[in-house]
All heavy atoms as atom14 arrays in JSON, in Angstrom:
{
  "sequence": "NRIARAVGATIVNRPEEIKEEDLGLGCGLFEIQKIGDEYFTFLTK",
  "atom14_mask": [
    [1, 1, 1, 1, 1, 1, 1, 1, 0, 0, 0, 0, 0, 0],
    [1, 1, 1, 1, 1, 1, 1, 1, 1, 1, 1, 0, 0, 0],
    [1, 1, 1, 1, 1, 1, 1, 1, 0, 0, 0, 0, 0, 0],
    [1, 1, 1, 1, 1, 0, 0, 0, 0, 0, 0, 0, 0, 0],
    [1, 1, 1, 1, 1, 1, 1, 1, 1, 1, 1, 0, 0, 0],
    [1, 1, 1, 1, 1, 0, 0, 0, 0, 0, 0, 0, 0, 0],
    [1, 1, 1, 1, 1, 1, 1, 0, 0, 0, 0, 0, 0, 0],
    [1, 1, 1, 1, 0, 0, 0, 0, 0, 0, 0, 0, 0, 0],
    [1, 1, 1, 1, 1, 0, 0, 0, 0, 0, 0, 0, 0, 0],
    [1, 1, 1, 1, 1, 1, 1, 0, 0, 0, 0, 0, 0, 0],
    [1, 1, 1, 1, 1, 1, 1, 1, 0, 0, 0, 0, 0, 0],
    [1, 1, 1, 1, 1, 1, 1, 0, 0, 0, 0, 0, 0, 0],
    [1, 1, 1, 1, 1, 1, 1, 1, 0, 0, 0, 0, 0, 0],
    [1, 1, 1, 1, 1, 1, 1, 1, 1, 1, 1, 0, 0, 0],
    [1, 1, 1, 1, 1, 1, 1, 0, 0, 0, 0, 0, 0, 0],
    [1, 1, 1, 1, 1, 1, 1, 1, 1, 0, 0, 0, 0, 0],
    [1, 1, 1, 1, 1, 1, 1, 1, 1, 0, 0, 0, 0, 0],
    [1, 1, 1, 1, 1, 1, 1, 1, 0, 0, 0, 0, 0, 0],
    [1, 1, 1, 1, 1, 1, 1, 1, 1, 0, 0, 0, 0, 0],
    [1, 1, 1, 1, 1, 1, 1, 1, 1, 0, 0, 0, 0, 0],
    [1, 1, 1, 1, 1, 1, 1, 1, 1, 0, 0, 0, 0, 0],
    [1, 1, 1, 1, 1, 1, 1, 1, 0, 0, 0, 0, 0, 0],
    [1, 1, 1, 1, 1, 1, 1, 1, 0, 0, 0, 0, 0, 0],
    [1, 1, 1, 1, 0, 0, 0, 0, 0, 0, 0, 0, 0, 0],
    [1, 1, 1, 1, 1, 1, 1, 1, 0, 0, 0, 0, 0, 0],
    [1, 1, 1, 1, 0, 0, 0, 0, 0, 0, 0, 0, 0, 0],
    [1, 1, 1, 1, 1, 1, 0, 0, 0, 0, 0, 0, 0, 0],
    [1, 1, 1, 1, 0, 0, 0, 0, 0, 0, 0, 0, 0, 0],
    [1, 1, 1, 1, 1, 1, 1, 1, 0, 0, 0, 0, 0, 0],
    [1, 1, 1, 1, 1, 1, 1, 1, 1, 1, 1, 0, 0, 0],
    [1, 1, 1, 1, 1, 1, 1, 1, 1, 0, 0, 0, 0, 0],
    [1, 1, 1, 1, 1, 1, 1, 1, 0, 0, 0, 0, 0, 0],
    [1, 1, 1, 1, 1, 1, 1, 1, 1, 0, 0, 0, 0, 0],
    [1, 1, 1, 1, 1, 1, 1, 1, 1, 0, 0, 0, 0, 0],
    [1, 1, 1, 1, 1, 1, 1, 1, 0, 0, 0, 0, 0, 0],
    [1, 1, 1, 1, 0, 0, 0, 0, 0, 0, 0, 0, 0, 0],
    [1, 1, 1, 1, 1, 1, 1, 1, 0, 0, 0, 0, 0, 0],
    [1, 1, 1, 1, 1, 1, 1, 1, 1, 0, 0, 0, 0, 0],
    [1, 1, 1, 1, 1, 1, 1, 1, 1, 1, 1, 1, 0, 0],
    [1, 1, 1, 1, 1, 1, 1, 1, 1, 1, 1, 0, 0, 0],
    [1, 1, 1, 1, 1, 1, 1, 0, 0, 0, 0, 0, 0, 0],
    [1, 1, 1, 1, 1, 1, 1, 1, 1, 1, 1, 0, 0, 0],
    [1, 1, 1, 1, 1, 1, 1, 1, 0, 0, 0, 0, 0, 0],
    [1, 1, 1, 1, 1, 1, 1, 0, 0, 0, 0, 0, 0, 0],
    [1, 1, 1, 1, 1, 1, 1, 1, 1, 0, 0, 0, 0, 0]
  ],
  "atom14_positions": [
    [[-89.65, -1.23, 19.57], [-88.53, -0.97, 20.51], [-87.28, -1.6, 20.06], [-86.16, -0.99, 20.2], [-88.89, -1.48, 21.88], [-89.98, -0.63, 22.6], [-90.15, 0.57, 22.22], [-90.72, -1.24, 23.46], [0.0, 0.0, 0.0], [0.0, 0.0, 0.0], [0.0, 0.0, 0.0], [0.0, 0.0, 0.0], [0.0, 0.0, 0.0], [0.0, 0.0, 0.0]],
    [[-87.35, -2.79, 19.47], [-86.14, -3.48, 19.03], [-85.55, -2.75, 17.84], [-84.27, -2.59, 17.75], [-86.47, -4.94, 18.61], [-86.25, -5.94, 19.73], [-86.3, -7.35, 19.21], [-87.69, -7.73, 18.87], [-88.54, -8.17, 19.71], [-88.22, -8.34, 21.03], [-89.79, -8.5, 19.31], [0.0, 0.0, 0.0], [0.0, 0.0, 0.0], [0.0, 0.0, 0.0]],
    [[-86.43, -2.32, 16.91], [-85.87, -1.58, 15.72], [-85.2, -0.32, 16.2], [-84.11, 0.05, 15.7], [-87.01, -1.25, 14.75], [-87.58, -2.57, 14.13], [-86.55, -0.37, 13.66], [-88.91, -2.38, 13.41], [0.0, 0.0, 0.0], [0.0, 0.0, 0.0], [0.0, 0.0, 0.0], [0.0, 0.0, 0.0], [0.0, 0.0, 0.0], [0.0, 0.0, 0.0]],
    [[-85.85, 0.44, 17.1], [-85.25, 1.69, 17.64], [-83.85, 1.42, 18.17], [-82.99, 2.26, 17.97], [-86.17, 2.26, 18.69], [0.0, 0.0, 0.0], [0.0, 0.0, 0.0], [0.0, 0.0, 0.0], [0.0, 0.0, 0.0], [0.0, 0.0, 0.0], [0.0, 0.0, 0.0], [0.0, 0.0, 0.0], [0.0, 0.0, 0.0], [0.0, 0.0, 0.0]],
    [[-83.69, 0.34, 18.91], [-82.4, 0.05, 19.51], [-81.38, -0.37, 18.48], [-80.16, -0.09, 18.6], [-82.58, -1.02, 20.57], [-81.55, -1.09, 21.64], [-82.03, -1.94, 22.76], [-80.99, -2.73, 23.37], [-80.52, -2.47, 24.59], [-81.08, -1.54, 25.33], [-79.57, -3.26, 25.12], [0.0, 0.0, 0.0], [0.0, 0.0, 0.0], [0.0, 0.0, 0.0]],
    [[-81.85, -1.08, 17.46], [-80.94, -1.59, 16.46], [-80.38, -0.55, 15.51], [-79.28, -0.55, 15.14], [-81.57, -2.72, 15.65], [0.0, 0.0, 0.0], [0.0, 0.0, 0.0], [0.0, 0.0, 0.0], [0.0, 0.0, 0.0], [0.0, 0.0, 0.0], [0.0, 0.0, 0.0], [0.0, 0.0, 0.0], [0.0, 0.0, 0.0], [0.0, 0.0, 0.0]],
    [[-81.3, 0.42, 15.15], [-80.92, 1.46, 14.11], [-80.58, 2.84, 14.72], [-80.25, 3.77, 14.03], [-81.98, 1.56, 13.06], [-82.24, 0.19, 12.41], [-83.27, 2.16, 13.6], [0.0, 0.0, 0.0], [0.0, 0.0, 0.0], [0.0, 0.0, 0.0], [0.0, 0.0, 0.0], [0.0, 0.0, 0.0], [0.0, 0.0, 0.0], [0.0, 0.0, 0.0]],
    [[-80.76, 2.93, 16.08], [-80.44, 4.22, 16.74], [-81.52, 5.31, 16.5], [-81.18, 6.5, 16.45], [0.0, 0.0, 0.0], [0.0, 0.0, 0.0], [0.0, 0.0, 0.0], [0.0, 0.0, 0.0], [0.0, 0.0, 0.0], [0.0, 0.0, 0.0], [0.0, 0.0, 0.0], [0.0, 0.0, 0.0], [0.0, 0.0, 0.0], [0.0, 0.0, 0.0]],
    [[-82.75, 4.84, 16.41], [-83.87, 5.83, 16.16], [-84.62, 6.07, 17.48], [-84.4, 5.37, 18.48], [-84.82, 5.35, 15.13], [0.0, 0.0, 0.0], [0.0, 0.0, 0.0], [0.0, 0.0, 0.0], [0.0, 0.0, 0.0], [0.0, 0.0, 0.0], [0.0, 0.0, 0.0], [0.0, 0.0, 0.0], [0.0, 0.0, 0.0], [0.0, 0.0, 0.0]],
    [[-85.43, 7.08, 17.48], [-86.36, 7.35, 18.65], [-87.78, 7.27, 18.18], [-88.08, 7.8, 17.15], [-86.08, 8.75, 19.19], [-84.66, 8.9, 19.42], [-86.88, 9.01, 20.44], [0.0, 0.0, 0.0], [0.0, 0.0, 0.0], [0.0, 0.0, 0.0], [0.0, 0.0, 0.0], [0.0, 0.0, 0.0], [0.0, 0.0, 0.0], [0.0, 0.0, 0.0]],
    [[-88.61, 6.61, 18.91], [-90.01, 6.41, 18.5], [-90.75, 7.81, 18.79], [-90.58, 8.33, 19.86], [-90.68, 5.33, 19.3], [-89.97, 3.98, 19.0], [-92.19, 5.24, 18.95], [-90.4, 2.84, 19.92], [0.0, 0.0, 0.0], [0.0, 0.0, 0.0], [0.0, 0.0, 0.0], [0.0, 0.0, 0.0], [0.0, 0.0, 0.0], [0.0, 0.0, 0.0]],
    [[-91.41, 8.31, 17.75], [-92.05, 9.62, 17.84], [-93.62, 9.39, 18.0], [-94.18, 8.54, 17.36], [-91.78, 10.42, 16.56], [-92.45, 11.78, 16.69], [-90.31, 10.6, 16.32], [0.0, 0.0, 0.0], [0.0, 0.0, 0.0], [0.0, 0.0, 0.0], [0.0, 0.0, 0.0], [0.0, 0.0, 0.0], [0.0, 0.0, 0.0], [0.0, 0.0, 0.0]],
    [[-94.19, 10.22, 18.94], [-95.63, 10.03, 19.13], [-96.55, 10.87, 18.23], [-97.65, 10.52, 17.95], [-95.94, 10.44, 20.56], [-95.13, 9.64, 21.6], [-95.11, 8.45, 21.44], [-94.57, 10.29, 22.56], [0.0, 0.0, 0.0], [0.0, 0.0, 0.0], [0.0, 0.0, 0.0], [0.0, 0.0, 0.0], [0.0, 0.0, 0.0], [0.0, 0.0, 0.0]],
    [[-96.01, 12.02, 17.74], [-96.81, 12.84, 16.85], [-95.91, 13.37, 15.73], [-94.82, 13.82, 15.97], [-97.35, 14.07, 17.61], [-98.39, 13.64, 18.68], [-98.71, 14.78, 19.64], [-99.02, 16.03, 18.89], [-99.58, 17.09, 19.45], [-99.87, 17.09, 20.73], [-99.85, 18.14, 18.77], [0.0, 0.0, 0.0], [0.0, 0.0, 0.0], [0.0, 0.0, 0.0]],
    [[-96.45, 13.33, 14.43], [-95.62, 13.7, 13.35], [-95.09, 15.13, 13.47], [-94.02, 15.45, 12.99], [-96.58, 13.56, 12.1], [-97.56, 12.53, 12.57], [-97.74, 12.72, 14.02], [0.0, 0.0, 0.0], [0.0, 0.0, 0.0], [0.0, 0.0, 0.0], [0.0, 0.0, 0.0], [0.0, 0.0, 0.0], [0.0, 0.0, 0.0], [0.0, 0.0, 0.0]],
    [[-95.87, 16.07, 14.09], [-95.38, 17.45, 14.11], [-94.27, 17.68, 15.14], [-93.64, 18.7, 15.14], [-96.57, 18.43, 14.48], [-97.3, 18.07, 15.77], [-98.6, 17.22, 15.53], [-98.59, 16.38, 14.57], [-99.55, 17.48, 16.25], [0.0, 0.0, 0.0], [0.0, 0.0, 0.0], [0.0, 0.0, 0.0], [0.0, 0.0, 0.0], [0.0, 0.0, 0.0]],
    [[-93.92, 16.58, 15.87], [-92.87, 16.74, 16.87], [-91.56, 16.06, 16.38], [-90.58, 15.91, 17.2], [-93.32, 16.07, 18.18], [-94.38, 16.83, 18.89], [-94.91, 16.1, 20.1], [-94.45, 14.95, 20.35], [-95.76, 16.64, 20.83], [0.0, 0.0, 0.0], [0.0, 0.0, 0.0], [0.0, 0.0, 0.0], [0.0, 0.0, 0.0], [0.0, 0.0, 0.0]],
    [[-91.49, 15.65, 15.09], [-90.29, 14.98, 14.59], [-89.11, 15.92, 14.55], [-89.25, 17.03, 14.11], [-90.58, 14.34, 13.15], [-91.74, 13.41, 13.23], [-89.39, 13.73, 12.67], [-92.2, 12.9, 11.91], [0.0, 0.0, 0.0], [0.0, 0.0, 0.0], [0.0, 0.0, 0.0], [0.0, 0.0, 0.0], [0.0, 0.0, 0.0], [0.0, 0.0, 0.0]],
    [[-87.95, 15.39, 15.01], [-86.69, 16.17, 14.88], [-85.74, 15.35, 14.06], [-85.84, 14.1, 13.99], [-86.12, 16.43, 16.32], [-87.0, 17.22, 17.23], [-86.19, 17.56, 18.47], [-87.02, 18.27, 19.56], [-87.89, 17.31, 20.25], [0.0, 0.0, 0.0], [0.0, 0.0, 0.0], [0.0, 0.0, 0.0], [0.0, 0.0, 0.0], [0.0, 0.0, 0.0]],
    [[-84.7, 15.97, 13.57], [-83.74, 15.31, 12.77], [-83.06, 14.14, 13.49], [-82.77, 13.1, 12.95], [-82.7, 16.32, 12.24], [-81.61, 15.74, 11.33], [-82.13, 15.16, 10.03], [-83.16, 15.62, 9.52], [-81.5, 14.17, 9.55], [0.0, 0.0, 0.0], [0.0, 0.0, 0.0], [0.0, 0.0, 0.0], [0.0, 0.0, 0.0], [0.0, 0.0, 0.0]],
    [[-82.74, 14.39, 14.79], [-82.0, 13.32, 15.57], [-82.91, 12.12, 15.89], [-82.4, 11.15, 16.37], [-81.44, 13.93, 16.82], [-82.48, 14.58, 17.76], [-82.56, 16.05, 17.57], [-82.32, 16.57, 16.44], [-82.92, 16.73, 18.55], [0.0, 0.0, 0.0], [0.0, 0.0, 0.0], [0.0, 0.0, 0.0], [0.0, 0.0, 0.0], [0.0, 0.0, 0.0]],
    [[-84.22, 12.21, 15.6], [-85.09, 11.01, 15.88], [-84.95, 9.97, 14.77], [-85.4, 8.84, 15.01], [-86.6, 11.48, 15.93], [-86.87, 12.32, 17.15], [-86.18, 12.22, 18.16], [-87.78, 13.18, 17.09], [0.0, 0.0, 0.0], [0.0, 0.0, 0.0], [0.0, 0.0, 0.0], [0.0, 0.0, 0.0], [0.0, 0.0, 0.0], [0.0, 0.0, 0.0]],
    [[-84.42, 10.33, 13.63], [-84.33, 9.42, 12.54], [-83.22, 8.4, 12.85], [-82.2, 8.73, 13.41], [-84.04, 10.14, 11.23], [-85.15, 11.01, 10.68], [-84.65, 11.74, 9.43], [-86.41, 10.26, 10.36], [0.0, 0.0, 0.0], [0.0, 0.0, 0.0], [0.0, 0.0, 0.0], [0.0, 0.0, 0.0], [0.0, 0.0, 0.0], [0.0, 0.0, 0.0]],
    [[-83.45, 7.12, 12.4], [-82.44, 6.09, 12.6], [-81.6, 5.97, 11.32], [-82.13, 5.66, 10.26], [0.0, 0.0, 0.0], [0.0, 0.0, 0.0], [0.0, 0.0, 0.0], [0.0, 0.0, 0.0], [0.0, 0.0, 0.0], [0.0, 0.0, 0.0], [0.0, 0.0, 0.0], [0.0, 0.0, 0.0], [0.0, 0.0, 0.0], [0.0, 0.0, 0.0]],
    [[-80.26, 6.12, 11.46], [-79.33, 6.06, 10.31], [-78.42, 4.83, 10.43], [-77.44, 4.75, 9.62], [-78.54, 7.34, 10.22], [-79.4, 8.67, 10.25], [-78.53, 9.9, 10.3], [-80.27, 8.73, 9.04], [0.0, 0.0, 0.0], [0.0, 0.0, 0.0], [0.0, 0.0, 0.0], [0.0, 0.0, 0.0], [0.0, 0.0, 0.0], [0.0, 0.0, 0.0]],
    [[-78.63, 4.0, 11.43], [-77.62, 2.87, 11.69], [-77.88, 1.59, 10.95], [-77.19, 0.64, 11.17], [0.0, 0.0, 0.0], [0.0, 0.0, 0.0], [0.0, 0.0, 0.0], [0.0, 0.0, 0.0], [0.0, 0.0, 0.0], [0.0, 0.0, 0.0], [0.0, 0.0, 0.0], [0.0, 0.0, 0.0], [0.0, 0.0, 0.0], [0.0, 0.0, 0.0]],
    [[-78.8, 1.59, 9.98], [-79.07, 0.4, 9.19], [-78.42, 0.5, 7.86], [-78.49, 1.51, 7.14], [-80.64, 0.25, 9.1], [-81.13, -1.16, 8.06], [0.0, 0.0, 0.0], [0.0, 0.0, 0.0], [0.0, 0.0, 0.0], [0.0, 0.0, 0.0], [0.0, 0.0, 0.0], [0.0, 0.0, 0.0], [0.0, 0.0, 0.0], [0.0, 0.0, 0.0]],
    [[-77.79, -0.64, 7.46], [-77.11, -0.63, 6.08], [-78.01, -1.05, 5.0], [-77.81, -0.63, 3.86], [0.0, 0.0, 0.0], [0.0, 0.0, 0.0], [0.0, 0.0, 0.0], [0.0, 0.0, 0.0], [0.0, 0.0, 0.0], [0.0, 0.0, 0.0], [0.0, 0.0, 0.0], [0.0, 0.0, 0.0], [0.0, 0.0, 0.0], [0.0, 0.0, 0.0]],
    [[-79.04, -1.91, 5.27], [-79.82, -2.38, 4.16], [-81.23, -2.75, 4.63], [-81.39, -3.48, 5.64], [-79.16, -3.69, 3.55], [-79.92, -4.34, 2.47], [-80.01, -3.45, 1.22], [-79.24, -5.7, 2.08], [0.0, 0.0, 0.0], [0.0, 0.0, 0.0], [0.0, 0.0, 0.0], [0.0, 0.0, 0.0], [0.0, 0.0, 0.0], [0.0, 0.0, 0.0]],
    [[-82.24, -2.3, 3.93], [-83.64, -2.67, 4.11], [-84.1, -3.45, 2.89], [-83.92, -2.97, 1.7], [-84.52, -1.41, 4.3], [-85.97, -1.64, 3.96], [-86.78, -2.43, 4.81], [-86.5, -1.18, 2.82], [-88.12, -2.66, 4.48], [-87.84, -1.4, 2.47], [-88.69, -2.18, 3.32], [0.0, 0.0, 0.0], [0.0, 0.0, 0.0], [0.0, 0.0, 0.0]],
    [[-84.58, -4.7, 3.04], [-85.13, -5.36, 1.93], [-86.27, -6.31, 2.42], [-86.3, -6.7, 3.57], [-84.03, -6.15, 1.14], [-83.37, -7.24, 1.95], [-82.37, -8.05, 1.05], [-82.46, -8.0, -0.19], [-81.49, -8.67, 1.65], [0.0, 0.0, 0.0], [0.0, 0.0, 0.0], [0.0, 0.0, 0.0], [0.0, 0.0, 0.0], [0.0, 0.0, 0.0]],
    [[-87.13, -6.64, 1.44], [-88.23, -7.55, 1.73], [-88.02, -8.77, 0.88], [-87.79, -8.74, -0.31], [-89.58, -6.87, 1.45], [-89.87, -5.83, 2.47], [-90.71, -7.9, 1.46], [-91.06, -5.03, 2.26], [0.0, 0.0, 0.0], [0.0, 0.0, 0.0], [0.0, 0.0, 0.0], [0.0, 0.0, 0.0], [0.0, 0.0, 0.0], [0.0, 0.0, 0.0]],
    [[-88.05, -9.97, 1.62], [-87.82, -11.24, 0.96], [-89.01, -12.15, 1.13], [-89.76, -12.03, 2.15], [-86.6, -11.99, 1.47], [-85.33, -11.27, 1.3], [-84.15, -12.05, 1.96], [-84.25, -13.26, 2.38], [-82.99, -11.39, 2.13], [0.0, 0.0, 0.0], [0.0, 0.0, 0.0], [0.0, 0.0, 0.0], [0.0, 0.0, 0.0], [0.0, 0.0, 0.0]],
    [[-89.31, -12.98, 0.13], [-90.39, -13.9, 0.23], [-89.84, -15.3, 0.62], [-88.98, -15.82, -0.08], [-91.19, -13.98, -1.08], [-92.44, -14.74, -1.0], [-93.19, -14.79, -2.32], [-94.54, -15.51, -2.14], [-95.24, -15.67, -3.43], [0.0, 0.0, 0.0], [0.0, 0.0, 0.0], [0.0, 0.0, 0.0], [0.0, 0.0, 0.0], [0.0, 0.0, 0.0]],
    [[-90.26, -15.79, 1.78], [-89.88, -17.13, 2.16], [-91.17, -17.97, 2.27], [-92.04, -17.65, 3.04], [-89.12, -17.08, 3.57], [-87.93, -16.12, 3.5], [-88.67, -18.48, 3.93], [-87.19, -15.95, 4.82], [0.0, 0.0, 0.0], [0.0, 0.0, 0.0], [0.0, 0.0, 0.0], [0.0, 0.0, 0.0], [0.0, 0.0, 0.0], [0.0, 0.0, 0.0]],
    [[-91.19, -19.01, 1.39], [-92.46, -19.8, 1.38], [-93.58, -18.9, 0.75], [-93.36, -18.32, -0.3], [0.0, 0.0, 0.0], [0.0, 0.0, 0.0], [0.0, 0.0, 0.0], [0.0, 0.0, 0.0], [0.0, 0.0, 0.0], [0.0, 0.0, 0.0], [0.0, 0.0, 0.0], [0.0, 0.0, 0.0], [0.0, 0.0, 0.0], [0.0, 0.0, 0.0]],
    [[-94.67, -18.8, 1.49], [-95.77, -17.97, 0.95], [-95.82, -16.65, 1.62], [-96.75, -15.78, 1.32], [-97.15, -18.7, 1.27], [-97.28, -19.9, 0.4], [-96.59, -19.96, -0.67], [-98.02, -20.83, 0.75], [0.0, 0.0, 0.0], [0.0, 0.0, 0.0], [0.0, 0.0, 0.0], [0.0, 0.0, 0.0], [0.0, 0.0, 0.0], [0.0, 0.0, 0.0]],
    [[-94.94, -16.31, 2.51], [-95.03, -15.04, 3.27], [-93.86, -14.12, 3.03], [-92.79, -14.55, 2.57], [-95.04, -15.37, 4.75], [-96.29, -16.18, 5.19], [-96.44, -16.29, 6.7], [-96.61, -15.18, 7.34], [-96.29, -17.4, 7.24], [0.0, 0.0, 0.0], [0.0, 0.0, 0.0], [0.0, 0.0, 0.0], [0.0, 0.0, 0.0], [0.0, 0.0, 0.0]],
    [[-94.14, -12.79, 3.22], [-93.1, -11.78, 3.01], [-92.5, -11.39, 4.36], [-93.22, -11.23, 5.34], [-93.73, -10.56, 2.36], [-94.1, -10.74, 0.92], [-95.39, -11.16, 0.55], [-93.15, -10.52, -0.05], [-95.73, -11.35, -0.81], [-93.5, -10.79, -1.44], [-94.76, -11.14, -1.77], [-95.09, -11.38, -3.05], [0.0, 0.0, 0.0], [0.0, 0.0, 0.0]],
    [[-91.18, -11.22, 4.35], [-90.52, -10.86, 5.61], [-89.65, -9.62, 5.35], [-88.98, -9.48, 4.34], [-89.61, -12.0, 6.08], [-90.4, -13.17, 6.57], [-90.75, -14.18, 5.68], [-90.73, -13.3, 7.9], [-91.51, -15.27, 6.1], [-91.49, -14.36, 8.36], [-91.86, -15.35, 7.51], [0.0, 0.0, 0.0], [0.0, 0.0, 0.0], [0.0, 0.0, 0.0]],
    [[-89.72, -8.68, 6.3], [-88.93, -7.44, 6.2], [-87.6, -7.66, 6.92], [-87.6, -8.05, 8.13], [-89.64, -6.25, 6.89], [-90.9, -6.09, 6.19], [-88.88, -4.99, 6.86], [0.0, 0.0, 0.0], [0.0, 0.0, 0.0], [0.0, 0.0, 0.0], [0.0, 0.0, 0.0], [0.0, 0.0, 0.0], [0.0, 0.0, 0.0], [0.0, 0.0, 0.0]],
    [[-86.49, -7.36, 6.28], [-85.15, -7.48, 6.9], [-84.48, -6.11, 7.01], [-84.44, -5.33, 6.03], [-84.24, -8.37, 6.03], [-84.6, -9.81, 6.07], [-85.59, -10.37, 5.31], [-83.94, -10.71, 6.91], [-85.94, -11.7, 5.32], [-84.25, -12.02, 7.03], [-85.26, -12.58, 6.21], [0.0, 0.0, 0.0], [0.0, 0.0, 0.0], [0.0, 0.0, 0.0]],
    [[-84.06, -5.78, 8.25], [-83.24, -4.55, 8.42], [-81.85, -5.1, 8.91], [-81.68, -5.48, 10.07], [-83.8, -3.68, 9.5], [-85.18, -3.03, 9.22], [-85.74, -2.43, 10.5], [-85.03, -1.96, 8.18], [0.0, 0.0, 0.0], [0.0, 0.0, 0.0], [0.0, 0.0, 0.0], [0.0, 0.0, 0.0], [0.0, 0.0, 0.0], [0.0, 0.0, 0.0]],
    [[-80.88, -5.15, 7.98], [-79.64, -5.77, 8.32], [-78.48, -4.82, 8.07], [-78.66, -3.68, 7.71], [-79.4, -7.07, 7.42], [-79.66, -6.72, 6.08], [-80.38, -8.18, 7.8], [0.0, 0.0, 0.0], [0.0, 0.0, 0.0], [0.0, 0.0, 0.0], [0.0, 0.0, 0.0], [0.0, 0.0, 0.0], [0.0, 0.0, 0.0], [0.0, 0.0, 0.0]],
    [[-77.26, -5.39, 8.32], [-75.99, -4.59, 8.25], [-76.03, -3.37, 9.15], [-75.55, -2.29, 8.78], [-75.73, -4.23, 6.79], [-75.5, -5.38, 5.81], [-75.19, -4.99, 4.4], [-75.07, -6.18, 3.49], [-74.88, -5.78, 2.12], [0.0, 0.0, 0.0], [0.0, 0.0, 0.0], [0.0, 0.0, 0.0], [0.0, 0.0, 0.0], [0.0, 0.0, 0.0]]
  ]
}
């Protein structure tokens, strides 16, 4: 829910019901960083 609100996407229940407007285009950068021994996903900008 947080990701949907941050990037302007809509959560889809079934793949066959996907529409173009459901995609989130509001994120500037996706990257995965390693901090310590664990990997963290960042959706920033």
